[in-house]
Amino acid sequence: MNGLLITPEASVTELVPANGRDFTLEELQRSVGGCIEILDLTPKTIMIVNEDGKGRLYPNMMATVIAKGCRAIFPRDYIAGNAVMCPSCMVK
């Protein structure tokens, strides 16, 4: 499985690491547009988001619904900007 890039416009596209195995920090920062924060969705799946996105990036409702469904964020919290969802083994 590869990663999925989820945008605030509800677009979902496959995201493949440059080396075909795991993402570099730079790839993840580029994908979310800044410093990253990692949310644990399940024991084997994570979501990478922009840690400073709130207040400057558009809300990402699709990523928010996924994160809330997995109880990865508080009920009144939300994800802003692009989000990357992938198996945890793809981030070292």
Protein backbone atom coordinates (compact mmCIF):
# COMPACT_ATOMS: atom_id res chain seq x y z
CA MET A 1 0.00 0.00 0.00
CA ASN A 2 1.14 3.53 -0.73
CA GLY A 3 0.16 6.74 0.98
CA LEU A 4 -2.92 8.84 0.28
CA LEU A 5 -2.85 12.63 -0.01
CA ILE A 6 -6.14 14.13 1.20
CA THR A 7 -6.70 17.80 0.35
CA PRO A 8 -9.16 20.32 1.84
CA GLU A 9 -11.08 20.12 -1.47
CA ALA A 10 -11.76 16.40 -0.73
CA SER A 11 -9.39 15.23 -3.44
CA VAL A 12 -7.65 11.93 -2.67
CA THR A 13 -4.61 10.86 -4.66
CA GLU A 14 -2.05 8.13 -4.24
CA LEU A 15 1.27 9.30 -2.84
CA VAL A 16 4.34 7.18 -3.53
CA PRO A 17 7.65 7.71 -1.70
CA ALA A 18 10.55 8.66 -3.98
CA ASN A 19 12.48 5.55 -2.94
CA GLY A 20 9.39 3.31 -3.23
CA ARG A 21 9.53 2.23 0.44
CA ASP A 22 9.26 5.06 2.97
CA PHE A 23 8.78 8.81 3.04
CA THR A 24 11.54 11.25 3.95
CA LEU A 25 10.84 14.13 6.30
CA GLU A 26 11.25 16.51 3.37
CA GLU A 27 8.65 14.64 1.28
CA LEU A 28 6.13 14.79 4.12
CA GLN A 29 6.81 18.47 4.83
CA ARG A 30 6.34 19.28 1.14
CA SER A 31 3.08 17.29 1.05
CA VAL A 32 1.51 19.08 4.04
CA GLY A 33 3.15 22.46 3.45
CA GLY A 34 5.19 22.82 6.62
CA CYS A 35 6.18 21.19 9.89
CA ILE A 36 4.56 17.83 10.42
CA GLU A 37 2.53 16.29 13.21
CA ILE A 38 1.84 12.56 13.24
CA LEU A 39 -1.53 11.22 14.40
CA ASP A 40 -1.98 7.52 15.22
CA LEU A 41 -5.18 6.32 13.52
CA THR A 42 -4.76 2.60 14.18
CA PRO A 43 -1.83 0.53 15.43
CA LYS A 44 -0.56 0.31 11.82
CA THR A 45 -1.92 3.48 10.17
CA ILE A 46 -0.95 7.11 10.69
CA MET A 47 -1.98 10.51 9.40
CA ILE A 48 0.58 13.25 8.84
CA VAL A 49 -0.74 16.82 9.06
CA ASN A 50 0.62 20.37 9.18
CA GLU A 51 1.14 21.10 12.88
CA ASP A 52 0.65 24.84 12.36
CA GLY A 53 -2.15 24.67 9.79
CA LYS A 54 -5.06 25.88 11.91
CA GLY A 55 -5.89 29.52 11.33
CA ARG A 56 -3.94 29.80 8.10
CA LEU A 57 -4.96 26.78 5.98
CA TYR A 58 -8.42 25.66 4.91
CA PRO A 59 -10.15 23.01 7.05
CA ASN A 60 -9.86 19.48 5.69
CA MET A 61 -13.22 17.92 6.48
CA MET A 62 -12.45 14.49 5.00
CA ALA A 63 -9.25 14.13 7.05
CA THR A 64 -11.08 15.48 10.11
CA VAL A 65 -13.84 12.86 9.82
CA ILE A 66 -11.25 10.08 9.49
CA ALA A 67 -9.21 11.34 12.45
CA LYS A 68 -12.30 11.77 14.65
CA GLY A 69 -13.57 8.32 13.67
CA CYS A 70 -10.27 6.85 14.86
CA ARG A 71 -10.30 9.05 17.98
CA ALA A 72 -6.96 10.55 16.94
CA ILE A 73 -8.15 14.11 17.67
CA PHE A 74 -10.52 15.66 20.21
CA PRO A 75 -14.20 15.98 19.26
CA ARG A 76 -14.00 19.78 18.76
CA ASP A 77 -10.64 19.68 16.96
CA TYR A 78 -10.08 19.65 13.18
CA ILE A 79 -7.41 19.09 10.55
CA ALA A 80 -6.33 22.02 8.35
CA GLY A 81 -4.53 21.75 5.02
CA ASN A 82 -3.32 18.64 3.26
CA ALA A 83 -3.07 15.35 5.13
CA VAL A 84 -1.14 12.20 4.27
CA MET A 85 -2.50 8.85 5.41
CA CYS A 86 -0.20 5.82 5.20
CA PRO A 87 0.98 2.69 6.98
CA SER A 88 3.15 3.63 9.96
CA CYS A 89 6.04 1.55 8.54
CA MET A 90 6.36 4.10 5.69
CA VAL A 91 7.65 6.78 8.10
CA LYS A 92 10.99 6.11 9.79
